[in-house]
Each structure stands twice: as C-alpha cells, then as structure tokens.
PDB file of all heavy atoms in Angstrom:
ATOM      1  N   PHE A   1      18.450  24.895 -27.834  1.00  0.00           N
ATOM      2  CA  PHE A   1      17.560  24.580 -26.734  1.00  0.00           C
ATOM      3  C   PHE A   1      16.815  23.247 -26.977  1.00  0.00           C
ATOM      4  O   PHE A   1      16.589  22.500 -26.035  1.00  0.00           O
ATOM      5  CB  PHE A   1      16.569  25.714 -26.521  1.00  0.00           C
ATOM      6  CG  PHE A   1      17.057  26.748 -25.563  1.00  0.00           C
ATOM      7  CD1 PHE A   1      17.854  27.785 -25.989  1.00  0.00           C
ATOM      8  CD2 PHE A   1      16.688  26.697 -24.228  1.00  0.00           C
ATOM      9  CE1 PHE A   1      18.329  28.750 -25.128  1.00  0.00           C
ATOM     10  CE2 PHE A   1      17.149  27.670 -23.345  1.00  0.00           C
ATOM     11  CZ  PHE A   1      17.963  28.698 -23.768  1.00  0.00           C
ATOM     12  N   LEU A   2      16.444  22.990 -28.241  1.00  0.00           N
ATOM     13  CA  LEU A   2      15.787  21.726 -28.516  1.00  0.00           C
ATOM     14  C   LEU A   2      16.700  20.557 -28.248  1.00  0.00           C
ATOM     15  O   LEU A   2      16.272  19.507 -27.715  1.00  0.00           O
ATOM     16  CB  LEU A   2      15.309  21.718 -29.974  1.00  0.00           C
ATOM     17  CG  LEU A   2      14.095  22.585 -30.291  1.00  0.00           C
ATOM     18  CD1 LEU A   2      13.841  22.620 -31.792  1.00  0.00           C
ATOM     19  CD2 LEU A   2      12.848  22.071 -29.565  1.00  0.00           C
ATOM     20  N   ARG A   3      17.972  20.638 -28.629  1.00  0.00           N
ATOM     21  CA  ARG A   3      18.911  19.565 -28.342  1.00  0.00           C
ATOM     22  C   ARG A   3      19.121  19.419 -26.856  1.00  0.00           C
ATOM     23  O   ARG A   3      19.164  18.282 -26.332  1.00  0.00           O
ATOM     24  CB  ARG A   3      20.242  19.847 -29.048  1.00  0.00           C
ATOM     25  CG  ARG A   3      21.319  18.800 -28.772  1.00  0.00           C
ATOM     26  CD  ARG A   3      22.452  18.916 -29.757  1.00  0.00           C
ATOM     27  NE  ARG A   3      22.018  18.656 -31.113  1.00  0.00           N
ATOM     28  CZ  ARG A   3      22.842  18.587 -32.167  1.00  0.00           C
ATOM     29  NH1 ARG A   3      24.162  18.794 -31.974  1.00  0.00           N
ATOM     30  NH2 ARG A   3      22.383  18.351 -33.350  1.00  0.00           N
ATOM     31  N   PHE A   4      19.195  20.531 -26.131  1.00  0.00           N
ATOM     32  CA  PHE A   4      19.342  20.455 -24.689  1.00  0.00           C
ATOM     33  C   PHE A   4      18.102  19.824 -24.059  1.00  0.00           C
ATOM     34  O   PHE A   4      18.243  19.008 -23.107  1.00  0.00           O
ATOM     35  CB  PHE A   4      19.559  21.854 -24.100  1.00  0.00           C
ATOM     36  CG  PHE A   4      19.715  21.846 -22.597  1.00  0.00           C
ATOM     37  CD1 PHE A   4      20.927  21.512 -22.007  1.00  0.00           C
ATOM     38  CD2 PHE A   4      18.634  22.187 -21.779  1.00  0.00           C
ATOM     39  CE1 PHE A   4      21.041  21.541 -20.603  1.00  0.00           C
ATOM     40  CE2 PHE A   4      18.739  22.216 -20.406  1.00  0.00           C
ATOM     41  CZ  PHE A   4      19.973  21.867 -19.800  1.00  0.00           C
ATOM     42  N   ASP A   5      16.919  20.156 -24.561  1.00  0.00           N
ATOM     43  CA  ASP A   5      15.691  19.567 -24.012  1.00  0.00           C
ATOM     44  C   ASP A   5      15.656  18.068 -24.234  1.00  0.00           C
ATOM     45  O   ASP A   5      15.186  17.310 -23.386  1.00  0.00           O
ATOM     46  CB  ASP A   5      14.466  20.222 -24.642  1.00  0.00           C
ATOM     47  CG  ASP A   5      14.268  21.677 -24.177  1.00  0.00           C
ATOM     48  OD1 ASP A   5      14.824  21.998 -23.116  1.00  0.00           O
ATOM     49  OD2 ASP A   5      13.576  22.437 -24.851  1.00  0.00           O
ATOM     50  N   ARG A   6      16.127  17.598 -25.413  1.00  0.00           N
ATOM     51  CA  ARG A   6      16.133  16.171 -25.655  1.00  0.00           C
ATOM     52  C   ARG A   6      17.104  15.434 -24.709  1.00  0.00           C
ATOM     53  O   ARG A   6      16.828  14.322 -24.295  1.00  0.00           O
ATOM     54  CB  ARG A   6      16.507  15.891 -27.125  1.00  0.00           C
ATOM     55  CG  ARG A   6      15.410  16.174 -28.113  1.00  0.00           C
ATOM     56  CD  ARG A   6      15.672  15.513 -29.434  1.00  0.00           C
ATOM     57  NE  ARG A   6      16.840  16.076 -30.077  1.00  0.00           N
ATOM     58  CZ  ARG A   6      16.812  17.102 -30.944  1.00  0.00           C
ATOM     59  NH1 ARG A   6      15.656  17.624 -31.276  1.00  0.00           N
ATOM     60  NH2 ARG A   6      17.939  17.511 -31.492  1.00  0.00           N
ATOM     61  N   LEU A   7      18.232  16.054 -24.395  1.00  0.00           N
ATOM     62  CA  LEU A   7      19.193  15.414 -23.541  1.00  0.00           C
ATOM     63  C   LEU A   7      18.800  15.470 -22.069  1.00  0.00           C
ATOM     64  O   LEU A   7      19.008  14.534 -21.334  1.00  0.00           O
ATOM     65  CB  LEU A   7      20.567  16.096 -23.717  1.00  0.00           C
ATOM     66  CG  LEU A   7      21.224  15.910 -25.086  1.00  0.00           C
ATOM     67  CD1 LEU A   7      22.528  16.715 -25.149  1.00  0.00           C
ATOM     68  CD2 LEU A   7      21.510  14.463 -25.400  1.00  0.00           C
ATOM     69  N   ALA A   8      18.227  16.625 -21.656  1.00  0.00           N
ATOM     70  CA  ALA A   8      17.900  16.807 -20.239  1.00  0.00           C
ATOM     71  C   ALA A   8      16.445  16.486 -19.895  1.00  0.00           C
ATOM     72  O   ALA A   8      16.083  16.464 -18.714  1.00  0.00           O
ATOM     73  CB  ALA A   8      18.229  18.220 -19.809  1.00  0.00           C
ATOM     74  N   GLY A   9      15.597  16.289 -20.886  1.00  0.00           N
ATOM     75  CA  GLY A   9      14.191  15.991 -20.620  1.00  0.00           C
ATOM     76  C   GLY A   9      13.410  17.227 -20.164  1.00  0.00           C
ATOM     77  O   GLY A   9      12.424  17.098 -19.431  1.00  0.00           O
ATOM     78  N   THR A  10      13.857  18.418 -20.562  1.00  0.00           N
ATOM     79  CA  THR A  10      13.170  19.649 -20.156  1.00  0.00           C
ATOM     80  C   THR A  10      12.381  20.209 -21.335  1.00  0.00           C
ATOM     81  O   THR A  10      12.319  19.615 -22.401  1.00  0.00           O
ATOM     82  CB  THR A  10      14.184  20.719 -19.668  1.00  0.00           C
ATOM     83  OG1 THR A  10      15.151  20.937 -20.711  1.00  0.00           O
ATOM     84  CG2 THR A  10      14.911  20.204 -18.467  1.00  0.00           C
ATOM     85  N   ALA A  11      11.751  21.383 -21.122  1.00  0.00           N
ATOM     86  CA  ALA A  11      10.982  22.060 -22.164  1.00  0.00           C
ATOM     87  C   ALA A  11      11.287  23.545 -22.185  1.00  0.00           C
ATOM     88  O   ALA A  11      10.402  24.385 -22.090  1.00  0.00           O
ATOM     89  CB  ALA A  11       9.483  21.822 -21.954  1.00  0.00           C
ATOM     90  N   LEU A  12      12.605  23.849 -22.288  1.00  0.00           N
ATOM     91  CA  LEU A  12      13.014  25.248 -22.227  1.00  0.00           C
ATOM     92  C   LEU A  12      12.860  25.953 -23.584  1.00  0.00           C
ATOM     93  O   LEU A  12      12.817  27.183 -23.625  1.00  0.00           O
ATOM     94  CB  LEU A  12      14.485  25.349 -21.786  1.00  0.00           C
ATOM     95  CG  LEU A  12      14.760  24.839 -20.370  1.00  0.00           C
ATOM     96  CD1 LEU A  12      16.235  24.873 -20.093  1.00  0.00           C
ATOM     97  CD2 LEU A  12      13.984  25.632 -19.340  1.00  0.00           C
ATOM     98  N   ALA A  13      12.802  25.199 -24.667  1.00  0.00           N
ATOM     99  CA  ALA A  13      12.811  25.826 -26.010  1.00  0.00           C
ATOM    100  C   ALA A  13      11.564  26.698 -26.232  1.00  0.00           C
ATOM    101  O   ALA A  13      11.614  27.668 -26.980  1.00  0.00           O
ATOM    102  CB  ALA A  13      12.940  24.766 -27.085  1.00  0.00           C
ATOM    103  N   GLY A  14      10.457  26.310 -25.624  1.00  0.00           N
ATOM    104  CA  GLY A  14       9.233  27.072 -25.845  1.00  0.00           C
ATOM    105  C   GLY A  14       8.900  27.997 -24.728  1.00  0.00           C
ATOM    106  O   GLY A  14       7.760  28.512 -24.657  1.00  0.00           O
ATOM    107  N   GLY A  15       9.837  28.294 -23.832  1.00  0.00           N
ATOM    108  CA  GLY A  15       9.551  29.114 -22.680  1.00  0.00           C
ATOM    109  C   GLY A  15      10.259  30.438 -22.722  1.00  0.00           C
ATOM    110  O   GLY A  15      10.844  30.849 -23.731  1.00  0.00           O
ATOM    111  N   MET A  16      10.212  31.093 -21.575  1.00  0.00           N
ATOM    112  CA  MET A  16      10.741  32.449 -21.451  1.00  0.00           C
ATOM    113  C   MET A  16      12.281  32.450 -21.438  1.00  0.00           C
ATOM    114  O   MET A  16      12.898  33.430 -21.875  1.00  0.00           O
ATOM    115  CB  MET A  16      10.228  33.065 -20.138  1.00  0.00           C
ATOM    116  CG  MET A  16      10.524  34.531 -19.978  1.00  0.00           C
ATOM    117  SD  MET A  16       9.672  35.181 -18.522  1.00  0.00           S
ATOM    118  CE  MET A  16      10.254  36.850 -18.523  1.00  0.00           C
ATOM    119  N   ALA A  17      12.899  31.325 -21.025  1.00  0.00           N
ATOM    120  CA  ALA A  17      14.353  31.311 -20.938  1.00  0.00           C
ATOM    121  C   ALA A  17      14.985  31.469 -22.304  1.00  0.00           C
ATOM    122  O   ALA A  17      16.002  32.164 -22.446  1.00  0.00           O
ATOM    123  CB  ALA A  17      14.798  29.975 -20.279  1.00  0.00           C
ATOM    124  N   ALA A  18      14.390  30.845 -23.332  1.00  0.00           N
ATOM    125  CA  ALA A  18      14.955  30.947 -24.685  1.00  0.00           C
ATOM    126  C   ALA A  18      14.859  32.370 -25.190  1.00  0.00           C
ATOM    127  O   ALA A  18      15.803  32.872 -25.849  1.00  0.00           O
ATOM    128  CB  ALA A  18      14.218  30.004 -25.622  1.00  0.00           C
ATOM    129  N   LEU A  19      13.766  33.068 -24.912  1.00  0.00           N
ATOM    130  CA  LEU A  19      13.598  34.455 -25.381  1.00  0.00           C
ATOM    131  C   LEU A  19      14.582  35.374 -24.685  1.00  0.00           C
ATOM    132  O   LEU A  19      15.191  36.243 -25.302  1.00  0.00           O
ATOM    133  CB  LEU A  19      12.173  34.913 -25.152  1.00  0.00           C
ATOM    134  CG  LEU A  19      11.133  34.373 -26.156  1.00  0.00           C
ATOM    135  CD1 LEU A  19       9.729  34.802 -25.704  1.00  0.00           C
ATOM    136  CD2 LEU A  19      11.417  34.900 -27.552  1.00  0.00           C
ATOM    137  N   VAL A  20      14.729  35.233 -23.362  1.00  0.00           N
ATOM    138  CA  VAL A  20      15.671  36.050 -22.625  1.00  0.00           C
ATOM    139  C   VAL A  20      17.102  35.804 -23.105  1.00  0.00           C
ATOM    140  O   VAL A  20      17.890  36.722 -23.240  1.00  0.00           O
ATOM    141  CB  VAL A  20      15.539  35.818 -21.109  1.00  0.00           C
ATOM    142  CG1 VAL A  20      16.604  36.590 -20.338  1.00  0.00           C
ATOM    143  CG2 VAL A  20      14.155  36.270 -20.653  1.00  0.00           C
ATOM    144  N   MET A  21      17.433  34.555 -23.347  1.00  0.00           N
ATOM    145  CA  MET A  21      18.742  34.216 -23.882  1.00  0.00           C
ATOM    146  C   MET A  21      18.949  34.865 -25.275  1.00  0.00           C
ATOM    147  O   MET A  21      20.035  35.394 -25.583  1.00  0.00           O
ATOM    148  CB  MET A  21      18.904  32.710 -24.003  1.00  0.00           C
ATOM    149  CG  MET A  21      20.224  32.267 -24.570  1.00  0.00           C
ATOM    150  SD  MET A  21      21.611  32.676 -23.486  1.00  0.00           S
ATOM    151  CE  MET A  21      21.309  31.574 -22.128  1.00  0.00           C
ATOM    152  N   ALA A  22      17.911  34.883 -26.086  1.00  0.00           N
ATOM    153  CA  ALA A  22      18.036  35.518 -27.418  1.00  0.00           C
ATOM    154  C   ALA A  22      18.247  37.026 -27.277  1.00  0.00           C
ATOM    155  O   ALA A  22      19.070  37.621 -27.965  1.00  0.00           O
ATOM    156  CB  ALA A  22      16.758  35.261 -28.221  1.00  0.00           C
ATOM    157  N   TYR A  23      17.532  37.659 -26.356  1.00  0.00           N
ATOM    158  CA  TYR A  23      17.750  39.079 -26.103  1.00  0.00           C
ATOM    159  C   TYR A  23      19.150  39.333 -25.618  1.00  0.00           C
ATOM    160  O   TYR A  23      19.802  40.327 -26.065  1.00  0.00           O
ATOM    161  CB  TYR A  23      16.752  39.585 -25.037  1.00  0.00           C
ATOM    162  CG  TYR A  23      15.317  39.700 -25.492  1.00  0.00           C
ATOM    163  CD1 TYR A  23      14.273  39.624 -24.593  1.00  0.00           C
ATOM    164  CD2 TYR A  23      15.024  39.937 -26.838  1.00  0.00           C
ATOM    165  CE1 TYR A  23      12.956  39.749 -24.990  1.00  0.00           C
ATOM    166  CE2 TYR A  23      13.715  40.054 -27.255  1.00  0.00           C
ATOM    167  CZ  TYR A  23      12.683  39.964 -26.341  1.00  0.00           C
ATOM    168  OH  TYR A  23      11.381  40.078 -26.774  1.00  0.00           O
ATOM    169  N   LEU A  24      19.645  38.492 -24.713  1.00  0.00           N
ATOM    170  CA  LEU A  24      20.990  38.707 -24.180  1.00  0.00           C
ATOM    171  C   LEU A  24      22.026  38.605 -25.266  1.00  0.00           C
ATOM    172  O   LEU A  24      22.943  39.451 -25.362  1.00  0.00           O
ATOM    173  CB  LEU A  24      21.231  37.658 -23.080  1.00  0.00           C
ATOM    174  CG  LEU A  24      22.640  37.667 -22.463  1.00  0.00           C
ATOM    175  CD1 LEU A  24      22.914  38.989 -21.792  1.00  0.00           C
ATOM    176  CD2 LEU A  24      22.787  36.540 -21.468  1.00  0.00           C
ATOM    177  N   ILE A  25      21.952  37.594 -26.126  1.00  0.00           N
ATOM    178  CA  ILE A  25      22.940  37.414 -27.211  1.00  0.00           C
ATOM    179  C   ILE A  25      22.814  38.561 -28.233  1.00  0.00           C
ATOM    180  O   ILE A  25      23.786  39.067 -28.737  1.00  0.00           O
ATOM    181  CB  ILE A  25      22.762  36.050 -27.881  1.00  0.00           C
ATOM    182  CG1 ILE A  25      23.029  34.932 -26.840  1.00  0.00           C
ATOM    183  CG2 ILE A  25      23.680  35.893 -29.077  1.00  0.00           C
ATOM    184  CD1 ILE A  25      22.747  33.542 -27.379  1.00  0.00           C
ATOM    185  N   ARG A  26      21.574  38.928 -28.503  1.00  0.00           N
ATOM    186  CA  ARG A  26      21.345  39.915 -29.564  1.00  0.00           C
ATOM    187  C   ARG A  26      21.788  41.332 -29.150  1.00  0.00           C
ATOM    188  O   ARG A  26      22.365  42.068 -29.945  1.00  0.00           O
ATOM    189  CB  ARG A  26      19.855  39.923 -29.918  1.00  0.00           C
ATOM    190  CG  ARG A  26      19.447  40.924 -30.947  1.00  0.00           C
ATOM    191  CD  ARG A  26      19.967  40.591 -32.309  1.00  0.00           C
ATOM    192  NE  ARG A  26      19.359  41.397 -33.350  1.00  0.00           N
ATOM    193  CZ  ARG A  26      19.790  41.437 -34.608  1.00  0.00           C
ATOM    194  NH1 ARG A  26      20.835  40.666 -34.971  1.00  0.00           N
ATOM    195  NH2 ARG A  26      19.215  42.197 -35.506  1.00  0.00           N
ATOM    196  N   PHE A  27      21.498  41.739 -27.927  1.00  0.00           N
ATOM    197  CA  PHE A  27      21.653  43.124 -27.533  1.00  0.00           C
ATOM    198  C   PHE A  27      22.759  43.345 -26.501  1.00  0.00           C
ATOM    199  O   PHE A  27      22.797  44.408 -25.878  1.00  0.00           O
ATOM    200  CB  PHE A  27      20.326  43.662 -26.970  1.00  0.00           C
ATOM    201  CG  PHE A  27      19.221  43.675 -27.942  1.00  0.00           C
ATOM    202  CD1 PHE A  27      18.179  42.775 -27.868  1.00  0.00           C
ATOM    203  CD2 PHE A  27      19.234  44.549 -29.031  1.00  0.00           C
ATOM    204  CE1 PHE A  27      17.139  42.766 -28.789  1.00  0.00           C
ATOM    205  CE2 PHE A  27      18.202  44.549 -29.978  1.00  0.00           C
ATOM    206  CZ  PHE A  27      17.175  43.651 -29.825  1.00  0.00           C
ATOM    207  N   LEU A  28      23.636  42.359 -26.314  1.00  0.00           N
ATOM    208  CA  LEU A  28      24.737  42.554 -25.374  1.00  0.00           C
ATOM    209  C   LEU A  28      25.642  43.684 -25.809  1.00  0.00           C
ATOM    210  O   LEU A  28      26.142  44.472 -25.015  1.00  0.00           O
ATOM    211  CB  LEU A  28      25.546  41.259 -25.247  1.00  0.00           C
ATOM    212  CG  LEU A  28      26.726  41.275 -24.275  1.00  0.00           C
ATOM    213  CD1 LEU A  28      26.246  41.576 -22.849  1.00  0.00           C
ATOM    214  CD2 LEU A  28      27.461  39.928 -24.286  1.00  0.00           C
ATOM    215  N   ARG A  29      25.869  43.817 -27.124  1.00  0.00           N
ATOM    216  CA  ARG A  29      26.693  44.905 -27.624  1.00  0.00           C
ATOM    217  C   ARG A  29      26.048  46.269 -27.346  1.00  0.00           C
ATOM    218  O   ARG A  29      26.761  47.240 -27.022  1.00  0.00           O
ATOM    219  CB  ARG A  29      26.861  44.718 -29.145  1.00  0.00           C
ATOM    220  CG  ARG A  29      27.336  45.947 -29.913  1.00  0.00           C
ATOM    221  CD  ARG A  29      28.736  46.327 -29.533  1.00  0.00           C
ATOM    222  NE  ARG A  29      29.724  45.297 -29.867  1.00  0.00           N
ATOM    223  CZ  ARG A  29      31.016  45.387 -29.608  1.00  0.00           C
ATOM    224  NH1 ARG A  29      31.454  46.473 -28.999  1.00  0.00           N
ATOM    225  NH2 ARG A  29      31.825  44.420 -29.961  1.00  0.00           N
ATOM    226  N   VAL A  30      24.723  46.344 -27.411  1.00  0.00           N
ATOM    227  CA  VAL A  30      24.018  47.613 -27.177  1.00  0.00           C
ATOM    228  C   VAL A  30      24.218  48.048 -25.712  1.00  0.00           C
ATOM    229  O   VAL A  30      24.311  49.253 -25.442  1.00  0.00           O
ATOM    230  CB  VAL A  30      22.527  47.491 -27.502  1.00  0.00           C
ATOM    231  CG1 VAL A  30      21.785  48.784 -27.276  1.00  0.00           C
ATOM    232  CG2 VAL A  30      22.335  47.026 -28.963  1.00  0.00           C
ATOM    233  N   ALA A  31      24.304  47.133 -24.797  1.00  0.00           N
ATOM    234  CA  ALA A  31      24.519  47.484 -23.376  1.00  0.00           C
ATOM    235  C   ALA A  31      25.975  47.721 -23.093  1.00  0.00           C
ATOM    236  O   ALA A  31      26.343  48.640 -22.332  1.00  0.00           O
ATOM    237  CB  ALA A  31      23.996  46.375 -22.480  1.00  0.00           C
ATOM    238  N   TRP A  32      26.840  46.912 -23.687  1.00  0.00           N
ATOM    239  CA  TRP A  32      28.275  47.030 -23.395  1.00  0.00           C
ATOM    240  C   TRP A  32      28.857  48.336 -23.957  1.00  0.00           C
ATOM    241  O   TRP A  32      29.725  48.951 -23.360  1.00  0.00           O
ATOM    242  CB  TRP A  32      29.018  45.818 -23.979  1.00  0.00           C
ATOM    243  CG  TRP A  32      30.467  45.803 -23.686  1.00  0.00           C
ATOM    244  CD1 TRP A  32      31.130  46.387 -22.625  1.00  0.00           C
ATOM    245  CD2 TRP A  32      31.494  45.184 -24.475  1.00  0.00           C
ATOM    246  NE1 TRP A  32      32.485  46.144 -22.693  1.00  0.00           N
ATOM    247  CE2 TRP A  32      32.749  45.397 -23.826  1.00  0.00           C
ATOM    248  CE3 TRP A  32      31.488  44.422 -25.646  1.00  0.00           C
ATOM    249  CZ2 TRP A  32      33.939  44.928 -24.340  1.00  0.00           C
ATOM    250  CZ3 TRP A  32      32.656  43.942 -26.141  1.00  0.00           C
ATOM    251  CH2 TRP A  32      33.887  44.210 -25.514  1.00  0.00           C
TER     252      TRP A  32
END
C-alpha cells in the first residue's frame, strides 16, 4: 500500500482499506 500510495499520490496505507484487505487475505480460507 505504501508503494501504491507513492505512485498514485493517495493515503490508503493508513486507512480502513488496508485493514479490510488484510482481513480478506487472512480469513478467506475461513469463509471458503
């Protein structure tokens, strides 16, 4: 997210999107 923020000029690394993405990657197996 930090690399994406540097390229796109955004601030997603410190927001809710990064946490939701972490939950999705971490617990996808638990739902599937």
